[in-house]
């Protein structure tokens, strides 16, 4: 059966009617299959970007691989100065729907690691011309939420130094991920997710005993509040956490950062 015949079959009224009847009696099976397909890991080795110096094993690049390579190259060149030029060029190259999972996962990983460029990366996601991007972004947000906030150092054989490095890296990931979620919410790419992230984020601040970590997370929360809470103000539950931390800390720069976050509200009420 040719692709054209398959398309004709899928668009036929008979198929649509029978599929509706099948869904009514097999909804749980469909949901289970959909969940399974949605959680299949992206095969990042499919688009191989590295250069093989051994000519005997040199493979020809497909058109898709060349396109992905060019898109990634343009994304890596992004800056505030060239964004208005490069962003439309990147979007124009995203012309195949099956490229989207790879590209979005790549952009989200870059966002978590390189927080400075998050607004630029989110600007690309926002203008990707395929509606399936919304489900993909949400799926990846859930994936990284579970990885980052359920983080545990389980290898007891590691040295204290390696455990500390791993913990510091995860703190950086929490900061990058939280900023990414904030920008995605701001652009209406996802909705109702920010409290799910900020609740454990703020609990991490109040429970931490590392002053450098606390200050870095407070700085990140300041940026989040400027992006997301500037009009309506910081929710009371987060204000209470900040005030509790201010009372118990002996570090002046932490107290001053909390005052920066609360701003005029703090000065007028306390």
C-alpha atoms as a PDB file:
ATOM      1  CA  UNK A   1       0.000   0.000   0.000  1.00  0.00           C
ATOM      2  CA  UNK A   2       1.410   3.380  -0.981  1.00  0.00           C
ATOM      3  CA  UNK A   3       1.615   6.441   1.284  1.00  0.00           C
ATOM      4  CA  UNK A   4      -1.100   8.123  -0.776  1.00  0.00           C
ATOM      5  CA  UNK A   5      -3.418   5.136  -0.296  1.00  0.00           C
ATOM      6  CA  UNK A   6      -2.760   5.132   3.448  1.00  0.00           C
ATOM      7  CA  UNK A   7      -3.540   8.858   3.675  1.00  0.00           C
ATOM      8  CA  UNK A   8      -6.740   8.320   1.699  1.00  0.00           C
ATOM      9  CA  UNK A   9      -7.755   5.489   4.034  1.00  0.00           C
ATOM     10  CA  UNK A  10      -7.051   7.512   7.189  1.00  0.00           C
ATOM     11  CA  UNK A  11      -9.107  10.428   5.859  1.00  0.00           C
ATOM     12  CA  UNK A  12     -12.071   8.305   4.805  1.00  0.00           C
ATOM     13  CA  UNK A  13     -15.365   8.606   6.669  1.00  0.00           C
ATOM     14  CA  UNK A  14     -15.512   4.848   7.195  1.00  0.00           C
ATOM     15  CA  UNK A  15     -12.160   4.796   8.995  1.00  0.00           C
ATOM     16  CA  UNK A  16     -13.063   7.831  11.121  1.00  0.00           C
ATOM     17  CA  UNK A  17     -16.406   6.318  12.169  1.00  0.00           C
ATOM     18  CA  UNK A  18     -14.850   2.964  13.051  1.00  0.00           C
ATOM     19  CA  UNK A  19     -12.037   4.679  14.956  1.00  0.00           C
ATOM     20  CA  UNK A  20     -14.542   6.678  17.039  1.00  0.00           C
ATOM     21  CA  UNK A  21     -16.356   3.448  17.930  1.00  0.00           C
ATOM     22  CA  UNK A  22     -13.048   1.766  18.777  1.00  0.00           C
ATOM     23  CA  UNK A  23     -12.084   4.647  21.100  1.00  0.00           C
ATOM     24  CA  UNK A  24     -15.348   4.347  22.991  1.00  0.00           C
ATOM     25  CA  UNK A  25     -14.726   0.698  23.865  1.00  0.00           C
ATOM     26  CA  UNK A  26     -10.912   0.745  24.156  1.00  0.00           C
ATOM     27  CA  UNK A  27     -10.131   4.102  25.747  1.00  0.00           C
ATOM     28  CA  UNK A  28      -7.808   2.673  28.432  1.00  0.00           C
ATOM     29  CA  UNK A  29      -5.757   0.785  25.840  1.00  0.00           C
ATOM     30  CA  UNK A  30      -5.377   3.946  23.757  1.00  0.00           C
ATOM     31  CA  UNK A  31      -4.344   5.999  26.819  1.00  0.00           C
ATOM     32  CA  UNK A  32      -1.787   3.353  27.793  1.00  0.00           C
ATOM     33  CA  UNK A  33      -0.350   3.236  24.271  1.00  0.00           C
ATOM     34  CA  UNK A  34      -0.257   7.053  24.052  1.00  0.00           C
ATOM     35  CA  UNK A  35       1.553   7.250  27.396  1.00  0.00           C
ATOM     36  CA  UNK A  36       4.056   4.614  26.249  1.00  0.00           C
ATOM     37  CA  UNK A  37       4.761   6.429  22.982  1.00  0.00           C
ATOM     38  CA  UNK A  38       5.056   9.816  24.700  1.00  0.00           C
ATOM     39  CA  UNK A  39       7.668   8.474  27.103  1.00  0.00           C
ATOM     40  CA  UNK A  40       9.965   6.899  24.539  1.00  0.00           C
ATOM     41  CA  UNK A  41      13.365   8.582  24.834  1.00  0.00           C
ATOM     42  CA  UNK A  42      14.520  10.640  21.867  1.00  0.00           C
ATOM     43  CA  UNK A  43      17.221   8.820  19.928  1.00  0.00           C
ATOM     44  CA  UNK A  44      19.916  11.482  20.014  1.00  0.00           C
ATOM     45  CA  UNK A  45      22.304   9.282  18.057  1.00  0.00           C
ATOM     46  CA  UNK A  46      20.046   9.391  15.017  1.00  0.00           C
ATOM     47  CA  UNK A  47      21.353  12.798  13.998  1.00  0.00           C
ATOM     48  CA  UNK A  48      25.075  12.193  14.363  1.00  0.00           C
ATOM     49  CA  UNK A  49      26.879  15.529  14.364  1.00  0.00           C
ATOM     50  CA  UNK A  50      30.444  14.459  15.057  1.00  0.00           C
ATOM     51  CA  UNK A  51      33.000  14.265  12.281  1.00  0.00           C
ATOM     52  CA  UNK A  52      34.572  10.878  11.650  1.00  0.00           C
ATOM     53  CA  UNK A  53      38.167  11.474  10.584  1.00  0.00           C
ATOM     54  CA  UNK A  54      38.581   7.958   9.234  1.00  0.00           C
ATOM     55  CA  UNK A  55      37.568   8.252   5.579  1.00  0.00           C
ATOM     56  CA  UNK A  56      36.931   4.515   5.342  1.00  0.00           C
ATOM     57  CA  UNK A  57      33.945   4.936   7.662  1.00  0.00           C
ATOM     58  CA  UNK A  58      32.708   8.270   6.412  1.00  0.00           C
ATOM     59  CA  UNK A  59      28.962   8.335   5.949  1.00  0.00           C
ATOM     60  CA  UNK A  60      27.031  10.596   3.659  1.00  0.00           C
ATOM     61  CA  UNK A  61      24.819  13.092   5.427  1.00  0.00           C
ATOM     62  CA  UNK A  62      21.118  12.871   4.700  1.00  0.00           C
ATOM     63  CA  UNK A  63      19.153  16.028   4.010  1.00  0.00           C
ATOM     64  CA  UNK A  64      17.565  15.828   7.480  1.00  0.00           C
ATOM     65  CA  UNK A  65      20.926  15.480   9.201  1.00  0.00           C
ATOM     66  CA  UNK A  66      22.324  18.449   7.303  1.00  0.00           C
ATOM     67  CA  UNK A  67      19.282  20.531   8.235  1.00  0.00           C
ATOM     68  CA  UNK A  68      19.498  19.571  11.919  1.00  0.00           C
ATOM     69  CA  UNK A  69      23.199  20.334  11.929  1.00  0.00           C
ATOM     70  CA  UNK A  70      22.574  23.781  10.410  1.00  0.00           C
ATOM     71  CA  UNK A  71      19.769  24.536  12.888  1.00  0.00           C
ATOM     72  CA  UNK A  72      21.958  23.531  15.842  1.00  0.00           C
ATOM     73  CA  UNK A  73      24.773  25.649  14.502  1.00  0.00           C
ATOM     74  CA  UNK A  74      22.485  28.683  14.225  1.00  0.00           C
ATOM     75  CA  UNK A  75      21.101  28.088  17.723  1.00  0.00           C
ATOM     76  CA  UNK A  76      24.645  28.000  19.104  1.00  0.00           C
ATOM     77  CA  UNK A  77      25.354  31.369  17.468  1.00  0.00           C
ATOM     78  CA  UNK A  78      22.326  33.094  19.024  1.00  0.00           C
ATOM     79  CA  UNK A  79      22.852  36.335  20.920  1.00  0.00           C
ATOM     80  CA  UNK A  80      20.707  39.325  21.791  1.00  0.00           C
ATOM     81  CA  UNK A  81      22.354  41.270  18.964  1.00  0.00           C
ATOM     82  CA  UNK A  82      21.662  38.754  16.174  1.00  0.00           C
ATOM     83  CA  UNK A  83      18.423  37.214  17.510  1.00  0.00           C
ATOM     84  CA  UNK A  84      16.107  39.139  15.162  1.00  0.00           C
ATOM     85  CA  UNK A  85      18.133  37.905  12.198  1.00  0.00           C
ATOM     86  CA  UNK A  86      18.828  34.295  13.208  1.00  0.00           C
ATOM     87  CA  UNK A  87      15.527  33.390  14.865  1.00  0.00           C
ATOM     88  CA  UNK A  88      13.415  33.681  11.658  1.00  0.00           C
ATOM     89  CA  UNK A  89      16.057  31.711   9.746  1.00  0.00           C
ATOM     90  CA  UNK A  90      15.979  28.922  12.350  1.00  0.00           C
ATOM     91  CA  UNK A  91      12.169  28.771  12.292  1.00  0.00           C
ATOM     92  CA  UNK A  92      12.121  28.643   8.493  1.00  0.00           C
ATOM     93  CA  UNK A  93      14.384  25.571   8.534  1.00  0.00           C
ATOM     94  CA  UNK A  94      12.066  23.658  10.903  1.00  0.00           C
ATOM     95  CA  UNK A  95       9.834  22.324   8.143  1.00  0.00           C
ATOM     96  CA  UNK A  96       9.455  18.660   9.127  1.00  0.00           C
ATOM     97  CA  UNK A  97       7.277  17.700  12.080  1.00  0.00           C
ATOM     98  CA  UNK A  98       9.384  14.663  13.003  1.00  0.00           C
ATOM     99  CA  UNK A  99      12.350  16.962  13.699  1.00  0.00           C
ATOM    100  CA  UNK A 100      10.490  18.680  16.534  1.00  0.00           C
ATOM    101  CA  UNK A 101      11.138  16.203  19.418  1.00  0.00           C
ATOM    102  CA  UNK A 102      14.891  16.243  18.841  1.00  0.00           C
ATOM    103  CA  UNK A 103      15.076  20.019  18.446  1.00  0.00           C
ATOM    104  CA  UNK A 104      12.906  20.902  21.439  1.00  0.00           C
ATOM    105  CA  UNK A 105      14.764  18.529  23.747  1.00  0.00           C
ATOM    106  CA  UNK A 106      18.056  19.998  22.562  1.00  0.00           C
ATOM    107  CA  UNK A 107      16.800  23.568  23.182  1.00  0.00           C
ATOM    108  CA  UNK A 108      15.489  22.717  26.662  1.00  0.00           C
ATOM    109  CA  UNK A 109      18.780  21.096  27.661  1.00  0.00           C
ATOM    110  CA  UNK A 110      20.643  24.183  26.458  1.00  0.00           C
ATOM    111  CA  UNK A 111      18.263  26.404  28.431  1.00  0.00           C
ATOM    112  CA  UNK A 112      18.925  24.597  31.711  1.00  0.00           C
ATOM    113  CA  UNK A 113      22.681  24.862  31.213  1.00  0.00           C
ATOM    114  CA  UNK A 114      22.905  28.368  29.707  1.00  0.00           C
ATOM    115  CA  UNK A 115      20.395  30.533  31.576  1.00  0.00           C
ATOM    116  CA  UNK A 116      21.518  33.764  29.888  1.00  0.00           C
ATOM    117  CA  UNK A 117      19.986  32.611  26.612  1.00  0.00           C
ATOM    118  CA  UNK A 118      16.689  31.227  27.943  1.00  0.00           C
ATOM    119  CA  UNK A 119      14.546  34.104  26.521  1.00  0.00           C
ATOM    120  CA  UNK A 120      16.120  33.519  23.098  1.00  0.00           C
ATOM    121  CA  UNK A 121      15.600  29.752  23.222  1.00  0.00           C
ATOM    122  CA  UNK A 122      11.986  30.131  24.380  1.00  0.00           C
ATOM    123  CA  UNK A 123      11.441  32.593  21.520  1.00  0.00           C
ATOM    124  CA  UNK A 124      12.361  29.811  19.107  1.00  0.00           C
ATOM    125  CA  UNK A 125      10.019  27.294  20.760  1.00  0.00           C
ATOM    126  CA  UNK A 126       7.175  29.817  20.725  1.00  0.00           C
ATOM    127  CA  UNK A 127       7.355  30.267  16.941  1.00  0.00           C
ATOM    128  CA  UNK A 128       7.872  26.613  15.921  1.00  0.00           C
ATOM    129  CA  UNK A 129       4.968  26.147  13.473  1.00  0.00           C
ATOM    130  CA  UNK A 130       3.663  22.806  14.755  1.00  0.00           C
ATOM    131  CA  UNK A 131       1.012  22.415  17.466  1.00  0.00           C
ATOM    132  CA  UNK A 132       2.476  19.134  18.746  1.00  0.00           C
ATOM    133  CA  UNK A 133       5.243  21.233  20.347  1.00  0.00           C
ATOM    134  CA  UNK A 134       3.001  21.988  23.349  1.00  0.00           C
ATOM    135  CA  UNK A 135       2.634  18.338  24.370  1.00  0.00           C
ATOM    136  CA  UNK A 136       6.331  17.752  23.749  1.00  0.00           C
ATOM    137  CA  UNK A 137       7.379  20.701  25.911  1.00  0.00           C
ATOM    138  CA  UNK A 138       5.103  19.546  28.728  1.00  0.00           C
ATOM    139  CA  UNK A 139       6.453  16.001  28.478  1.00  0.00           C
ATOM    140  CA  UNK A 140      10.030  17.289  28.736  1.00  0.00           C
ATOM    141  CA  UNK A 141       9.150  19.614  31.617  1.00  0.00           C
ATOM    142  CA  UNK A 142       7.835  16.585  33.509  1.00  0.00           C
ATOM    143  CA  UNK A 143      10.905  14.555  32.622  1.00  0.00           C
ATOM    144  CA  UNK A 144      13.381  17.135  33.894  1.00  0.00           C
ATOM    145  CA  UNK A 145      11.235  17.940  36.937  1.00  0.00           C
ATOM    146  CA  UNK A 146      11.510  14.300  38.024  1.00  0.00           C
ATOM    147  CA  UNK A 147      15.235  14.193  37.329  1.00  0.00           C
ATOM    148  CA  UNK A 148      16.090  17.468  39.067  1.00  0.00           C
ATOM    149  CA  UNK A 149      13.781  17.600  42.079  1.00  0.00           C
ATOM    150  CA  UNK A 150      13.972  13.891  42.880  1.00  0.00           C
ATOM    151  CA  UNK A 151      17.755  14.111  42.846  1.00  0.00           C
ATOM    152  CA  UNK A 152      19.573  11.796  45.245  1.00  0.00           C
ATOM    153  CA  UNK A 153      23.226  10.883  45.434  1.00  0.00           C
ATOM    154  CA  UNK A 154      22.860   7.137  45.811  1.00  0.00           C
ATOM    155  CA  UNK A 155      26.435   5.995  45.320  1.00  0.00           C
ATOM    156  CA  UNK A 156      27.836   5.690  48.819  1.00  0.00           C
ATOM    157  CA  UNK A 157      31.261   4.787  47.432  1.00  0.00           C
ATOM    158  CA  UNK A 158      31.803   8.270  46.010  1.00  0.00           C
ATOM    159  CA  UNK A 159      34.050  10.665  47.852  1.00  0.00           C
ATOM    160  CA  UNK A 160      32.636  13.650  49.734  1.00  0.00           C
ATOM    161  CA  UNK A 161      34.097  15.929  47.059  1.00  0.00           C
ATOM    162  CA  UNK A 162      32.319  14.092  44.217  1.00  0.00           C
ATOM    163  CA  UNK A 163      29.050  14.155  46.135  1.00  0.00           C
ATOM    164  CA  UNK A 164      29.449  17.892  46.689  1.00  0.00           C
ATOM    165  CA  UNK A 165      30.163  18.457  42.980  1.00  0.00           C
ATOM    166  CA  UNK A 166      27.065  16.476  42.043  1.00  0.00           C
ATOM    167  CA  UNK A 167      24.921  18.433  44.502  1.00  0.00           C
ATOM    168  CA  UNK A 168      26.253  21.780  43.247  1.00  0.00           C
ATOM    169  CA  UNK A 169      25.573  20.735  39.669  1.00  0.00           C
ATOM    170  CA  UNK A 170      22.007  19.835  40.557  1.00  0.00           C
ATOM    171  CA  UNK A 171      21.524  23.205  42.272  1.00  0.00           C
ATOM    172  CA  UNK A 172      22.620  24.866  39.029  1.00  0.00           C
ATOM    173  CA  UNK A 173      20.134  22.662  37.163  1.00  0.00           C
ATOM    174  CA  UNK A 174      17.325  23.663  39.547  1.00  0.00           C
ATOM    175  CA  UNK A 175      18.094  27.337  38.926  1.00  0.00           C
ATOM    176  CA  UNK A 176      18.219  26.911  35.136  1.00  0.00           C
ATOM    177  CA  UNK A 177      15.110  24.747  35.029  1.00  0.00           C
ATOM    178  CA  UNK A 178      13.085  27.139  37.208  1.00  0.00           C
ATOM    179  CA  UNK A 179      14.000  30.118  35.026  1.00  0.00           C
ATOM    180  CA  UNK A 180      13.065  28.130  31.933  1.00  0.00           C
ATOM    181  CA  UNK A 181       9.647  27.251  33.384  1.00  0.00           C
ATOM    182  CA  UNK A 182       9.089  30.932  34.220  1.00  0.00           C
ATOM    183  CA  UNK A 183       9.727  32.041  30.637  1.00  0.00           C
ATOM    184  CA  UNK A 184       7.621  29.194  29.201  1.00  0.00           C
ATOM    185  CA  UNK A 185       4.736  30.257  31.461  1.00  0.00           C
ATOM    186  CA  UNK A 186       5.184  33.902  30.518  1.00  0.00           C
ATOM    187  CA  UNK A 187       4.876  33.027  26.820  1.00  0.00           C
ATOM    188  CA  UNK A 188       1.830  30.746  27.417  1.00  0.00           C
ATOM    189  CA  UNK A 189       3.670  27.703  26.085  1.00  0.00           C
ATOM    190  CA  UNK A 190       2.802  25.882  29.320  1.00  0.00           C
ATOM    191  CA  UNK A 191       0.317  26.890  32.003  1.00  0.00           C
ATOM    192  CA  UNK A 192      -0.156  26.225  35.713  1.00  0.00           C
ATOM    193  CA  UNK A 193       3.317  24.750  36.162  1.00  0.00           C
ATOM    194  CA  UNK A 194       5.224  27.466  37.976  1.00  0.00           C
ATOM    195  CA  UNK A 195       4.015  26.707  41.508  1.00  0.00           C
ATOM    196  CA  UNK A 196       4.827  23.032  41.015  1.00  0.00           C
ATOM    197  CA  UNK A 197       8.429  24.139  40.478  1.00  0.00           C
ATOM    198  CA  UNK A 198       8.692  27.049  42.904  1.00  0.00           C
ATOM    199  CA  UNK A 199       7.326  25.177  45.927  1.00  0.00           C
ATOM    200  CA  UNK A 200      10.253  22.691  46.083  1.00  0.00           C
ATOM    201  CA  UNK A 201      12.564  25.492  44.898  1.00  0.00           C
ATOM    202  CA  UNK A 202      11.651  27.661  47.909  1.00  0.00           C
ATOM    203  CA  UNK A 203      11.745  24.683  50.275  1.00  0.00           C
ATOM    204  CA  UNK A 204      15.286  24.084  49.037  1.00  0.00           C
ATOM    205  CA  UNK A 205      16.226  27.663  49.919  1.00  0.00           C
ATOM    206  CA  UNK A 206      14.835  27.526  53.457  1.00  0.00           C
ATOM    207  CA  UNK A 207      16.314  24.084  54.203  1.00  0.00           C
ATOM    208  CA  UNK A 208      19.786  24.714  52.770  1.00  0.00           C
ATOM    209  CA  UNK A 209      22.752  25.264  55.081  1.00  0.00           C
ATOM    210  CA  UNK A 210      25.052  26.476  52.320  1.00  0.00           C
ATOM    211  CA  UNK A 211      25.112  30.300  52.244  1.00  0.00           C
ATOM    212  CA  UNK A 212      26.497  30.471  48.692  1.00  0.00           C
ATOM    213  CA  UNK A 213      23.776  28.123  47.456  1.00  0.00           C
ATOM    214  CA  UNK A 214      21.094  30.145  49.266  1.00  0.00           C
ATOM    215  CA  UNK A 215      22.324  33.411  47.762  1.00  0.00           C
ATOM    216  CA  UNK A 216      22.473  31.965  44.247  1.00  0.00           C
ATOM    217  CA  UNK A 217      18.944  30.593  44.537  1.00  0.00           C
ATOM    218  CA  UNK A 218      17.690  33.903  45.947  1.00  0.00           C
ATOM    219  CA  UNK A 219      19.255  35.698  42.991  1.00  0.00           C
ATOM    220  CA  UNK A 220      17.439  33.314  40.683  1.00  0.00           C
ATOM    221  CA  UNK A 221      14.159  33.863  42.530  1.00  0.00           C
ATOM    222  CA  UNK A 222      14.663  37.625  42.187  1.00  0.00           C
ATOM    223  CA  UNK A 223      14.905  37.166  38.407  1.00  0.00           C
ATOM    224  CA  UNK A 224      11.829  34.913  38.429  1.00  0.00           C
ATOM    225  CA  UNK A 225       9.803  37.428  40.445  1.00  0.00           C
ATOM    226  CA  UNK A 226      10.808  40.242  38.077  1.00  0.00           C
ATOM    227  CA  UNK A 227       9.621  38.192  35.104  1.00  0.00           C
ATOM    228  CA  UNK A 228       6.486  36.598  36.513  1.00  0.00           C
ATOM    229  CA  UNK A 229       5.312  38.475  39.621  1.00  0.00           C
ATOM    230  CA  UNK A 230       6.079  42.080  38.732  1.00  0.00           C
ATOM    231  CA  UNK A 231       2.415  43.106  38.267  1.00  0.00           C
ATOM    232  CA  UNK A 232       0.573  41.017  40.836  1.00  0.00           C
ATOM    233  CA  UNK A 233       3.313  40.747  43.450  1.00  0.00           C
ATOM    234  CA  UNK A 234       4.952  37.736  45.088  1.00  0.00           C
ATOM    235  CA  UNK A 235       2.454  35.241  46.590  1.00  0.00           C
ATOM    236  CA  UNK A 236       2.146  35.324  50.377  1.00  0.00           C
ATOM    237  CA  UNK A 237       3.434  31.781  50.899  1.00  0.00           C
ATOM    238  CA  UNK A 238       6.732  32.701  49.218  1.00  0.00           C
ATOM    239  CA  UNK A 239       6.923  36.016  51.080  1.00  0.00           C
ATOM    240  CA  UNK A 240       6.626  34.181  54.386  1.00  0.00           C
ATOM    241  CA  UNK A 241       9.503  31.885  53.454  1.00  0.00           C
ATOM    242  CA  UNK A 242      11.657  34.870  52.515  1.00  0.00           C
ATOM    243  CA  UNK A 243      10.864  36.682  55.766  1.00  0.00           C
ATOM    244  CA  UNK A 244      11.597  33.551  57.808  1.00  0.00           C
ATOM    245  CA  UNK A 245      14.954  33.220  56.084  1.00  0.00           C
ATOM    246  CA  UNK A 246      15.709  36.892  56.670  1.00  0.00           C
ATOM    247  CA  UNK A 247      15.106  36.484  60.387  1.00  0.00           C
ATOM    248  CA  UNK A 248      17.285  33.419  60.833  1.00  0.00           C
ATOM    249  CA  UNK A 249      20.268  34.315  58.619  1.00  0.00           C
ATOM    250  CA  UNK A 250      23.404  36.043  59.867  1.00  0.00           C
ATOM    251  CA  UNK A 251      24.632  36.833  56.362  1.00  0.00           C
ATOM    252  CA  UNK A 252      24.040  40.461  55.414  1.00  0.00           C
ATOM    253  CA  UNK A 253      24.096  39.943  51.645  1.00  0.00           C
ATOM    254  CA  UNK A 254      21.349  37.338  51.995  1.00  0.00           C
ATOM    255  CA  UNK A 255      19.214  39.774  53.994  1.00  0.00           C
ATOM    256  CA  UNK A 256      19.819  42.531  51.438  1.00  0.00           C
ATOM    257  CA  UNK A 257      18.923  40.199  48.560  1.00  0.00           C
ATOM    258  CA  UNK A 258      15.646  39.339  50.292  1.00  0.00           C
ATOM    259  CA  UNK A 259      14.930  43.053  50.675  1.00  0.00           C
ATOM    260  CA  UNK A 260      15.636  43.488  46.948  1.00  0.00           C
ATOM    261  CA  UNK A 261      13.145  40.720  46.142  1.00  0.00           C
ATOM    262  CA  UNK A 262      10.391  42.121  48.363  1.00  0.00           C
ATOM    263  CA  UNK A 263      11.088  45.709  47.309  1.00  0.00           C
ATOM    264  CA  UNK A 264       8.513  48.361  48.181  1.00  0.00           C
ATOM    265  CA  UNK A 265       6.165  45.775  49.669  1.00  0.00           C
ATOM    266  CA  UNK A 266       8.761  45.025  52.333  1.00  0.00           C
ATOM    267  CA  UNK A 267       9.486  48.684  53.098  1.00  0.00           C
ATOM    268  CA  UNK A 268       5.809  49.577  53.384  1.00  0.00           C
ATOM    269  CA  UNK A 269       4.773  46.677  55.573  1.00  0.00           C
ATOM    270  CA  UNK A 270       7.693  45.821  57.833  1.00  0.00           C
END
